[in-house]
Amino acid sequence: MKIFLIVLLFLTLSPAEELVLDKQYDGPQKLTVTALGISMGLPYNWKAIAHKNEGLKLYQNKSENVIILQAKEMDLLEAEAYLTQPHYLQNNTKLFPQGRIVTLNSRLYYRNYVVNGETDRVVTFYLLLGPQNRTVVMRVLYNVADESAIQATSMNIVQALSFTPTNQLQSRTQNLETRLKGLHLAYMKRDGAYESKRELWLCSNKRYLLKEEHVVVGGMSRETEQKFGKWSLENSKLILIADDGREYFINVKRQDNALLLDGIRSYELKNHQCL
């Protein structure tokens, strides 16, 4: 307990260092993370590193426990919806909500998730709501055996975290999910003997419409279909969950001012379907 208080006092009094991408940091240390618009303390015996468009990763040597912090934009209703839907790891492993949403205060919520097909790992999602719908999502993936220690560490991080006023507009415009809201995108994709023209409407209420026109190479046959459902963005992947329950994953990447969907350049069109 005495060591913890000394570390806490050190983090409180020491100046924050501006985090640089691709550089490793060792705790205890106070960091300002411009890409997330936050100031935070890196705990003792933890390391931190951030890569472009991947959020901030906290980890320990010889441990599978990982904490990922990312910036999003959502109001209270969107935050509640976020904690009721399933989520995914980078390998598309599905995470299912478990138990109830816990409200710690008016701006801090969390919920536990189970990893599909596993019993020894758990994920906890923390949502910290800030000014002007700025939100930090902290995803904690840990072994069940380390639950008590990890929960204590996670709680110390989120309770000491604060939002910074600097570079707020820059961080918001760099937020990919914010960019996707309300977009109407068109792109072509070839799959074997078929070419598909796809139009995708990503509504601000997180609903989507996908129109696909499949054409056999040479133009001999055409087939058109429409899909409706809900969309979300995780790990730079656009997740489409159709109303019939089927799931679709699209890798999203920014290149200059364009968006690449599964590596294919898309084109932004006027959206007359939804806001």
C-alpha atoms as a PDB file:
ATOM      1  CA  MET A   1       0.000   0.000   0.000  1.00  0.00           C
ATOM      2  CA  LYS A   2       2.866   2.350   0.866  1.00  0.00           C
ATOM      3  CA  ILE A   3       4.527   1.735  -2.513  1.00  0.00           C
ATOM      4  CA  PHE A   4       1.231   2.402  -4.307  1.00  0.00           C
ATOM      5  CA  LEU A   5       0.823   5.761  -2.531  1.00  0.00           C
ATOM      6  CA  ILE A   6       4.386   6.783  -3.423  1.00  0.00           C
ATOM      7  CA  VAL A   7       3.776   5.889  -7.097  1.00  0.00           C
ATOM      8  CA  LEU A   8       0.444   7.746  -7.070  1.00  0.00           C
ATOM      9  CA  LEU A   9       2.119  10.857  -5.592  1.00  0.00           C
ATOM     10  CA  PHE A  10       4.868  10.629  -8.227  1.00  0.00           C
ATOM     11  CA  LEU A  11       2.337  10.486 -11.066  1.00  0.00           C
ATOM     12  CA  THR A  12       0.365  13.385  -9.589  1.00  0.00           C
ATOM     13  CA  LEU A  13       3.312  15.753  -9.156  1.00  0.00           C
ATOM     14  CA  SER A  14       5.443  14.850 -12.168  1.00  0.00           C
ATOM     15  CA  PRO A  15       4.946  16.667 -15.504  1.00  0.00           C
ATOM     16  CA  ALA A  16       3.285  14.730 -18.315  1.00  0.00           C
ATOM     17  CA  GLU A  17       5.369  13.616 -21.287  1.00  0.00           C
ATOM     18  CA  GLU A  18       3.888  13.970 -24.771  1.00  0.00           C
ATOM     19  CA  LEU A  19       3.516  10.481 -26.249  1.00  0.00           C
ATOM     20  CA  VAL A  20       5.297   9.828 -29.558  1.00  0.00           C
ATOM     21  CA  LEU A  21       4.029   7.137 -31.929  1.00  0.00           C
ATOM     22  CA  ASP A  22       5.985   3.867 -32.107  1.00  0.00           C
ATOM     23  CA  LYS A  23       7.990   4.694 -28.969  1.00  0.00           C
ATOM     24  CA  GLN A  24       7.824   2.442 -25.904  1.00  0.00           C
ATOM     25  CA  TYR A  25       7.230   3.959 -22.459  1.00  0.00           C
ATOM     26  CA  ASP A  26       7.792   2.354 -19.060  1.00  0.00           C
ATOM     27  CA  GLY A  27       5.717   3.066 -15.970  1.00  0.00           C
ATOM     28  CA  PRO A  28       5.317   4.729 -13.615  1.00  0.00           C
ATOM     29  CA  GLN A  29       4.955   7.751 -15.903  1.00  0.00           C
ATOM     30  CA  LYS A  30       2.434  10.454 -16.714  1.00  0.00           C
ATOM     31  CA  LEU A  31       1.575  10.724 -20.422  1.00  0.00           C
ATOM     32  CA  THR A  32      -0.322  13.147 -22.609  1.00  0.00           C
ATOM     33  CA  VAL A  33      -1.823  11.286 -25.572  1.00  0.00           C
ATOM     34  CA  THR A  34      -2.826  13.867 -28.169  1.00  0.00           C
ATOM     35  CA  ALA A  35      -4.363  11.307 -30.533  1.00  0.00           C
ATOM     36  CA  LEU A  36      -6.867  10.379 -27.798  1.00  0.00           C
ATOM     37  CA  GLY A  37      -7.138  13.854 -26.283  1.00  0.00           C
ATOM     38  CA  ILE A  38      -6.270  12.586 -22.786  1.00  0.00           C
ATOM     39  CA  SER A  39      -3.742  12.766 -19.990  1.00  0.00           C
ATOM     40  CA  MET A  40      -3.172   9.558 -18.015  1.00  0.00           C
ATOM     41  CA  GLY A  41      -0.879   7.720 -15.658  1.00  0.00           C
ATOM     42  CA  LEU A  42       1.029   4.637 -16.814  1.00  0.00           C
ATOM     43  CA  PRO A  43       1.161   2.239 -13.831  1.00  0.00           C
ATOM     44  CA  TYR A  44       4.305   0.725 -12.352  1.00  0.00           C
ATOM     45  CA  ASN A  45       5.550  -2.384 -14.188  1.00  0.00           C
ATOM     46  CA  TRP A  46       3.418  -1.587 -17.261  1.00  0.00           C
ATOM     47  CA  LYS A  47       4.618  -0.522 -20.703  1.00  0.00           C
ATOM     48  CA  ALA A  48       2.839   1.601 -23.316  1.00  0.00           C
ATOM     49  CA  ILE A  49       3.130   2.021 -27.070  1.00  0.00           C
ATOM     50  CA  ALA A  50       0.898   3.614 -29.695  1.00  0.00           C
ATOM     51  CA  HIS A  51       0.801   3.058 -33.431  1.00  0.00           C
ATOM     52  CA  LYS A  52      -1.034   5.158 -35.973  1.00  0.00           C
ATOM     53  CA  ASN A  53      -4.810   4.442 -36.072  1.00  0.00           C
ATOM     54  CA  GLU A  54      -4.417   1.588 -33.546  1.00  0.00           C
ATOM     55  CA  GLY A  55      -5.000   3.370 -30.243  1.00  0.00           C
ATOM     56  CA  LEU A  56      -2.784   3.083 -27.163  1.00  0.00           C
ATOM     57  CA  LYS A  57      -1.631  -0.355 -25.989  1.00  0.00           C
ATOM     58  CA  LEU A  58      -0.632  -1.085 -22.374  1.00  0.00           C
ATOM     59  CA  TYR A  59       1.039  -4.411 -21.611  1.00  0.00           C
ATOM     60  CA  GLN A  60       3.405  -6.296 -19.292  1.00  0.00           C
ATOM     61  CA  ASN A  61       6.336  -8.528 -20.116  1.00  0.00           C
ATOM     62  CA  LYS A  62       5.615 -12.259 -19.946  1.00  0.00           C
ATOM     63  CA  SER A  63       1.880 -11.647 -19.627  1.00  0.00           C
ATOM     64  CA  GLU A  64      -1.069 -11.989 -21.992  1.00  0.00           C
ATOM     65  CA  ASN A  65      -2.995  -9.228 -20.215  1.00  0.00           C
ATOM     66  CA  VAL A  66      -3.486  -6.232 -22.515  1.00  0.00           C
ATOM     67  CA  ILE A  67      -5.245  -2.878 -22.207  1.00  0.00           C
ATOM     68  CA  ILE A  68      -6.229  -0.928 -25.335  1.00  0.00           C
ATOM     69  CA  LEU A  69      -7.455   2.693 -25.216  1.00  0.00           C
ATOM     70  CA  GLN A  70      -9.189   4.260 -28.215  1.00  0.00           C
ATOM     71  CA  ALA A  71     -11.022   7.524 -28.849  1.00  0.00           C
ATOM     72  CA  LYS A  72     -14.620   7.539 -30.022  1.00  0.00           C
ATOM     73  CA  GLU A  73     -17.442  10.020 -30.247  1.00  0.00           C
ATOM     74  CA  MET A  74     -20.755   9.085 -28.619  1.00  0.00           C
ATOM     75  CA  ASP A  75     -23.492  10.437 -26.391  1.00  0.00           C
ATOM     76  CA  LEU A  76     -25.021   8.643 -23.408  1.00  0.00           C
ATOM     77  CA  LEU A  77     -27.569   6.701 -25.490  1.00  0.00           C
ATOM     78  CA  GLU A  78     -24.873   5.596 -27.931  1.00  0.00           C
ATOM     79  CA  ALA A  79     -22.681   4.544 -25.002  1.00  0.00           C
ATOM     80  CA  GLU A  80     -25.450   2.346 -23.589  1.00  0.00           C
ATOM     81  CA  ALA A  81     -26.002   0.809 -27.038  1.00  0.00           C
ATOM     82  CA  TYR A  82     -22.252   0.185 -27.370  1.00  0.00           C
ATOM     83  CA  LEU A  83     -22.248  -1.862 -24.164  1.00  0.00           C
ATOM     84  CA  THR A  84     -25.239  -3.974 -25.202  1.00  0.00           C
ATOM     85  CA  GLN A  85     -23.864  -5.202 -28.526  1.00  0.00           C
ATOM     86  CA  PRO A  86     -21.267  -7.919 -29.155  1.00  0.00           C
ATOM     87  CA  HIS A  87     -17.703  -6.906 -30.016  1.00  0.00           C
ATOM     88  CA  TYR A  88     -14.749  -8.586 -31.707  1.00  0.00           C
ATOM     89  CA  LEU A  89     -11.036  -9.165 -31.200  1.00  0.00           C
ATOM     90  CA  GLN A  90      -8.589  -8.507 -34.038  1.00  0.00           C
ATOM     91  CA  ASN A  91      -8.890 -12.125 -35.229  1.00  0.00           C
ATOM     92  CA  ASN A  92     -12.699 -11.665 -35.470  1.00  0.00           C
ATOM     93  CA  THR A  93     -13.301 -13.739 -32.328  1.00  0.00           C
ATOM     94  CA  LYS A  94     -16.686 -12.662 -30.996  1.00  0.00           C
ATOM     95  CA  LEU A  95     -17.178 -11.202 -27.523  1.00  0.00           C
ATOM     96  CA  PHE A  96     -20.559 -11.526 -25.811  1.00  0.00           C
ATOM     97  CA  PRO A  97     -21.811  -9.181 -23.037  1.00  0.00           C
ATOM     98  CA  GLN A  98     -22.216 -10.766 -19.638  1.00  0.00           C
ATOM     99  CA  GLY A  99     -24.047  -9.466 -16.586  1.00  0.00           C
ATOM    100  CA  ARG A 100     -25.285  -5.898 -16.413  1.00  0.00           C
ATOM    101  CA  ILE A 101     -23.818  -2.501 -17.269  1.00  0.00           C
ATOM    102  CA  VAL A 102     -22.216  -1.039 -14.146  1.00  0.00           C
ATOM    103  CA  THR A 103     -22.473   2.733 -13.611  1.00  0.00           C
ATOM    104  CA  LEU A 104     -19.609   4.038 -11.477  1.00  0.00           C
ATOM    105  CA  ASN A 105     -20.579   7.700 -11.888  1.00  0.00           C
ATOM    106  CA  SER A 106     -22.310   9.925 -14.436  1.00  0.00           C
ATOM    107  CA  ARG A 107     -19.441   9.594 -16.925  1.00  0.00           C
ATOM    108  CA  LEU A 108     -17.901   6.193 -16.234  1.00  0.00           C
ATOM    109  CA  TYR A 109     -19.442   2.804 -17.163  1.00  0.00           C
ATOM    110  CA  TYR A 110     -18.171  -0.717 -17.655  1.00  0.00           C
ATOM    111  CA  ARG A 111     -19.350  -4.196 -18.601  1.00  0.00           C
ATOM    112  CA  ASN A 112     -17.748  -7.645 -18.716  1.00  0.00           C
ATOM    113  CA  TYR A 113     -17.678  -9.757 -21.867  1.00  0.00           C
ATOM    114  CA  VAL A 114     -16.923 -13.434 -22.422  1.00  0.00           C
ATOM    115  CA  VAL A 115     -14.661 -14.615 -25.243  1.00  0.00           C
ATOM    116  CA  ASN A 116     -16.426 -16.993 -27.611  1.00  0.00           C
ATOM    117  CA  GLY A 117     -15.144 -20.550 -27.091  1.00  0.00           C
ATOM    118  CA  GLU A 118     -12.875 -19.673 -24.147  1.00  0.00           C
ATOM    119  CA  THR A 119     -13.264 -19.947 -20.387  1.00  0.00           C
ATOM    120  CA  ASP A 120      -9.890 -18.685 -19.132  1.00  0.00           C
ATOM    121  CA  ARG A 121      -9.987 -15.166 -20.617  1.00  0.00           C
ATOM    122  CA  VAL A 122     -12.372 -12.267 -19.997  1.00  0.00           C
ATOM    123  CA  VAL A 123     -12.736  -8.795 -21.519  1.00  0.00           C
ATOM    124  CA  THR A 124     -13.975  -5.713 -19.694  1.00  0.00           C
ATOM    125  CA  PHE A 125     -15.027  -2.596 -21.607  1.00  0.00           C
ATOM    126  CA  TYR A 126     -14.804   0.760 -19.811  1.00  0.00           C
ATOM    127  CA  LEU A 127     -16.436   3.858 -21.303  1.00  0.00           C
ATOM    128  CA  LEU A 128     -15.326   7.252 -20.044  1.00  0.00           C
ATOM    129  CA  LEU A 129     -17.545  10.069 -21.335  1.00  0.00           C
ATOM    130  CA  GLY A 130     -16.009  13.508 -21.754  1.00  0.00           C
ATOM    131  CA  PRO A 131     -17.028  16.953 -23.032  1.00  0.00           C
ATOM    132  CA  GLN A 132     -18.719  17.370 -26.437  1.00  0.00           C
ATOM    133  CA  ASN A 133     -19.363  13.609 -26.764  1.00  0.00           C
ATOM    134  CA  ARG A 134     -15.660  12.800 -26.601  1.00  0.00           C
ATOM    135  CA  THR A 135     -15.332   9.262 -25.264  1.00  0.00           C
ATOM    136  CA  VAL A 136     -12.468   6.959 -24.379  1.00  0.00           C
ATOM    137  CA  VAL A 137     -13.088   3.224 -24.748  1.00  0.00           C
ATOM    138  CA  MET A 138     -10.730   1.094 -22.664  1.00  0.00           C
ATOM    139  CA  ARG A 139     -10.751  -2.608 -23.530  1.00  0.00           C
ATOM    140  CA  VAL A 140      -9.080  -4.872 -20.973  1.00  0.00           C
ATOM    141  CA  LEU A 141      -8.284  -8.456 -22.031  1.00  0.00           C
ATOM    142  CA  TYR A 142      -6.996 -10.600 -19.162  1.00  0.00           C
ATOM    143  CA  ASN A 143      -6.705 -14.087 -17.753  1.00  0.00           C
ATOM    144  CA  VAL A 144      -9.320 -15.019 -15.167  1.00  0.00           C
ATOM    145  CA  ALA A 145      -6.552 -15.926 -12.705  1.00  0.00           C
ATOM    146  CA  ASP A 146      -5.382 -12.282 -12.706  1.00  0.00           C
ATOM    147  CA  GLU A 147      -8.859 -10.784 -12.323  1.00  0.00           C
ATOM    148  CA  SER A 148      -8.436  -9.003  -8.971  1.00  0.00           C
ATOM    149  CA  ALA A 149      -5.108  -7.350  -9.832  1.00  0.00           C
ATOM    150  CA  ILE A 150      -6.197  -6.324 -13.324  1.00  0.00           C
ATOM    151  CA  GLN A 151      -9.493  -4.856 -12.128  1.00  0.00           C
ATOM    152  CA  ALA A 152      -7.674  -2.764  -9.517  1.00  0.00           C
ATOM    153  CA  THR A 153      -5.156  -1.524 -12.113  1.00  0.00           C
ATOM    154  CA  SER A 154      -7.896  -0.739 -14.645  1.00  0.00           C
ATOM    155  CA  MET A 155      -9.914   1.208 -12.099  1.00  0.00           C
ATOM    156  CA  ASN A 156      -6.873   3.281 -11.106  1.00  0.00           C
ATOM    157  CA  ILE A 157      -6.215   4.137 -14.772  1.00  0.00           C
ATOM    158  CA  VAL A 158      -9.747   5.257 -15.684  1.00  0.00           C
ATOM    159  CA  GLN A 159     -10.335   7.191 -12.461  1.00  0.00           C
ATOM    160  CA  ALA A 160      -7.100   9.162 -12.902  1.00  0.00           C
ATOM    161  CA  LEU A 161      -7.625   9.764 -16.633  1.00  0.00           C
ATOM    162  CA  SER A 162      -8.576  13.286 -17.770  1.00  0.00           C
ATOM    163  CA  PHE A 163      -9.478  14.911 -21.072  1.00  0.00           C
ATOM    164  CA  THR A 164      -7.170  17.574 -22.492  1.00  0.00           C
ATOM    165  CA  PRO A 165      -8.465  20.675 -24.319  1.00  0.00           C
ATOM    166  CA  THR A 166      -5.512  20.821 -26.705  1.00  0.00           C
ATOM    167  CA  ASN A 167      -5.790  19.505 -30.274  1.00  0.00           C
ATOM    168  CA  GLN A 168      -9.431  18.582 -29.688  1.00  0.00           C
ATOM    169  CA  LEU A 169     -10.579  19.425 -33.217  1.00  0.00           C
ATOM    170  CA  GLN A 170      -7.641  17.563 -34.728  1.00  0.00           C
ATOM    171  CA  SER A 171      -8.367  14.396 -32.773  1.00  0.00           C
ATOM    172  CA  ARG A 172     -12.050  14.536 -33.718  1.00  0.00           C
ATOM    173  CA  THR A 173     -11.374  14.890 -37.447  1.00  0.00           C
ATOM    174  CA  GLN A 174      -8.892  12.024 -37.269  1.00  0.00           C
ATOM    175  CA  ASN A 175     -11.509   9.741 -35.704  1.00  0.00           C
ATOM    176  CA  LEU A 176     -12.351   7.199 -38.398  1.00  0.00           C
ATOM    177  CA  GLU A 177     -15.739   6.265 -36.972  1.00  0.00           C
ATOM    178  CA  THR A 178     -16.785   9.922 -36.963  1.00  0.00           C
ATOM    179  CA  ARG A 179     -15.710  10.156 -40.603  1.00  0.00           C
ATOM    180  CA  LEU A 180     -17.828   7.130 -41.573  1.00  0.00           C
ATOM    181  CA  LYS A 181     -21.090   8.384 -40.062  1.00  0.00           C
ATOM    182  CA  GLY A 182     -23.535   9.489 -42.762  1.00  0.00           C
ATOM    183  CA  LEU A 183     -21.343   8.398 -45.688  1.00  0.00           C
ATOM    184  CA  HIS A 184     -22.555   6.941 -48.992  1.00  0.00           C
ATOM    185  CA  LEU A 185     -19.718   4.933 -50.522  1.00  0.00           C
ATOM    186  CA  ALA A 186     -19.400   3.113 -53.840  1.00  0.00           C
ATOM    187  CA  TYR A 187     -16.702   0.673 -54.937  1.00  0.00           C
ATOM    188  CA  MET A 188     -16.105  -2.308 -57.217  1.00  0.00           C
ATOM    189  CA  LYS A 189     -14.929  -5.729 -56.094  1.00  0.00           C
ATOM    190  CA  ARG A 190     -14.031  -8.800 -58.141  1.00  0.00           C
ATOM    191  CA  ASP A 191     -14.637 -12.276 -56.740  1.00  0.00           C
ATOM    192  CA  GLY A 192     -13.754 -15.110 -59.114  1.00  0.00           C
ATOM    193  CA  ALA A 193     -15.914 -14.849 -62.230  1.00  0.00           C
ATOM    194  CA  TYR A 194     -18.053 -12.090 -60.713  1.00  0.00           C
ATOM    195  CA  GLU A 195     -17.641  -8.354 -60.506  1.00  0.00           C
ATOM    196  CA  SER A 196     -19.666  -6.621 -57.810  1.00  0.00           C
ATOM    197  CA  LYS A 197     -20.667  -2.997 -57.728  1.00  0.00           C
ATOM    198  CA  ARG A 198     -21.349  -2.110 -54.126  1.00  0.00           C
ATOM    199  CA  GLU A 199     -23.046   0.922 -52.653  1.00  0.00           C
ATOM    200  CA  LEU A 200     -22.965   1.299 -48.905  1.00  0.00           C
ATOM    201  CA  TRP A 201     -24.930   3.811 -46.827  1.00  0.00           C
ATOM    202  CA  LEU A 202     -23.662   4.201 -43.244  1.00  0.00           C
ATOM    203  CA  CYS A 203     -26.345   6.081 -41.334  1.00  0.00           C
ATOM    204  CA  SER A 204     -25.566   8.180 -38.270  1.00  0.00           C
ATOM    205  CA  ASN A 205     -27.980   6.050 -36.198  1.00  0.00           C
ATOM    206  CA  LYS A 206     -25.643   3.069 -36.904  1.00  0.00           C
ATOM    207  CA  ARG A 207     -28.006   1.431 -39.411  1.00  0.00           C
ATOM    208  CA  TYR A 208     -26.731   0.559 -42.881  1.00  0.00           C
ATOM    209  CA  LEU A 209     -27.988  -0.266 -46.360  1.00  0.00           C
ATOM    210  CA  LEU A 210     -25.840  -2.320 -48.727  1.00  0.00           C
ATOM    211  CA  LYS A 211     -26.777  -2.656 -52.398  1.00  0.00           C
ATOM    212  CA  GLU A 212     -24.822  -5.169 -54.469  1.00  0.00           C
ATOM    213  CA  GLU A 213     -25.014  -5.732 -58.213  1.00  0.00           C
ATOM    214  CA  HIS A 214     -23.196  -8.908 -59.265  1.00  0.00           C
ATOM    215  CA  VAL A 215     -22.148  -9.172 -62.907  1.00  0.00           C
ATOM    216  CA  VAL A 216     -20.511 -12.180 -64.548  1.00  0.00           C
ATOM    217  CA  VAL A 217     -17.338 -11.026 -66.252  1.00  0.00           C
ATOM    218  CA  GLY A 218     -18.357 -10.187 -69.804  1.00  0.00           C
ATOM    219  CA  GLY A 219     -21.775  -8.866 -68.756  1.00  0.00           C
ATOM    220  CA  MET A 220     -23.767 -12.048 -69.509  1.00  0.00           C
ATOM    221  CA  SER A 221     -25.724 -12.103 -66.243  1.00  0.00           C
ATOM    222  CA  ARG A 222     -26.748  -9.620 -63.547  1.00  0.00           C
ATOM    223  CA  GLU A 223     -28.070 -10.096 -60.038  1.00  0.00           C
ATOM    224  CA  THR A 224     -29.003  -7.388 -57.528  1.00  0.00           C
ATOM    225  CA  GLU A 225     -29.595  -7.690 -53.791  1.00  0.00           C
ATOM    226  CA  GLN A 226     -30.020  -5.416 -50.789  1.00  0.00           C
ATOM    227  CA  LYS A 227     -29.030  -5.936 -47.161  1.00  0.00           C
ATOM    228  CA  PHE A 228     -30.041  -3.955 -44.085  1.00  0.00           C
ATOM    229  CA  GLY A 229     -28.602  -4.048 -40.575  1.00  0.00           C
ATOM    230  CA  LYS A 230     -26.373  -2.338 -38.018  1.00  0.00           C
ATOM    231  CA  TRP A 231     -22.784  -1.230 -38.426  1.00  0.00           C
ATOM    232  CA  SER A 232     -19.880  -0.592 -36.068  1.00  0.00           C
ATOM    233  CA  LEU A 233     -16.127  -0.079 -36.305  1.00  0.00           C
ATOM    234  CA  GLU A 234     -13.509  -2.021 -34.338  1.00  0.00           C
ATOM    235  CA  ASN A 235      -9.808  -2.603 -34.924  1.00  0.00           C
ATOM    236  CA  SER A 236     -10.035  -0.689 -38.248  1.00  0.00           C
ATOM    237  CA  LYS A 237     -12.674  -3.172 -39.395  1.00  0.00           C
ATOM    238  CA  LEU A 238     -16.155  -2.170 -40.465  1.00  0.00           C
ATOM    239  CA  ILE A 239     -18.539  -4.733 -38.972  1.00  0.00           C
ATOM    240  CA  LEU A 240     -21.905  -5.183 -40.691  1.00  0.00           C
ATOM    241  CA  ILE A 241     -24.445  -7.242 -38.780  1.00  0.00           C
ATOM    242  CA  ALA A 242     -27.390  -7.919 -41.096  1.00  0.00           C
ATOM    243  CA  ASP A 243     -30.940  -8.090 -39.799  1.00  0.00           C
ATOM    244  CA  ASP A 244     -30.887 -11.837 -40.510  1.00  0.00           C
ATOM    245  CA  GLY A 245     -27.916 -12.247 -38.147  1.00  0.00           C
ATOM    246  CA  ARG A 246     -25.166 -12.745 -40.716  1.00  0.00           C
ATOM    247  CA  GLU A 247     -21.928 -10.864 -40.132  1.00  0.00           C
ATOM    248  CA  TYR A 248     -19.649  -9.175 -42.657  1.00  0.00           C
ATOM    249  CA  PHE A 249     -16.187  -7.704 -42.046  1.00  0.00           C
ATOM    250  CA  ILE A 250     -14.594  -5.009 -44.218  1.00  0.00           C
ATOM    251  CA  ASN A 251     -11.068  -3.730 -43.596  1.00  0.00           C
ATOM    252  CA  VAL A 252     -11.024   0.079 -43.669  1.00  0.00           C
ATOM    253  CA  LYS A 253      -7.928   2.165 -44.303  1.00  0.00           C
ATOM    254  CA  ARG A 254      -7.371   5.828 -45.066  1.00  0.00           C
ATOM    255  CA  GLN A 255      -5.108   6.695 -47.978  1.00  0.00           C
ATOM    256  CA  ASP A 256      -4.644  10.410 -48.542  1.00  0.00           C
ATOM    257  CA  ASN A 257      -8.233  11.714 -48.619  1.00  0.00           C
ATOM    258  CA  ALA A 258      -9.797   8.442 -49.786  1.00  0.00           C
ATOM    259  CA  LEU A 259     -11.100   5.388 -47.945  1.00  0.00           C
ATOM    260  CA  LEU A 260      -9.928   1.909 -48.936  1.00  0.00           C
ATOM    261  CA  LEU A 261     -12.426  -0.901 -48.330  1.00  0.00           C
ATOM    262  CA  ASP A 262     -10.693  -4.292 -48.367  1.00  0.00           C
ATOM    263  CA  GLY A 263      -7.843  -2.518 -50.164  1.00  0.00           C
ATOM    264  CA  ILE A 264     -10.110  -1.095 -52.895  1.00  0.00           C
ATOM    265  CA  ARG A 265     -10.557   2.642 -53.323  1.00  0.00           C
ATOM    266  CA  SER A 266     -14.085   3.830 -52.608  1.00  0.00           C
ATOM    267  CA  TYR A 267     -15.822   6.957 -53.847  1.00  0.00           C
ATOM    268  CA  GLU A 268     -18.031   9.196 -51.722  1.00  0.00           C
ATOM    269  CA  LEU A 269     -21.432  10.026 -53.207  1.00  0.00           C
ATOM    270  CA  LYS A 270     -24.301  12.200 -52.005  1.00  0.00           C
ATOM    271  CA  ASN A 271     -26.360  10.482 -49.335  1.00  0.00           C
ATOM    272  CA  HIS A 272     -30.096  10.732 -50.056  1.00  0.00           C
ATOM    273  CA  GLN A 273     -31.018   7.641 -48.021  1.00  0.00           C
ATOM    274  CA  CYS A 274     -30.201   8.666 -44.449  1.00  0.00           C
ATOM    275  CA  LEU A 275     -28.299  11.161 -42.339  1.00  0.00           C
END
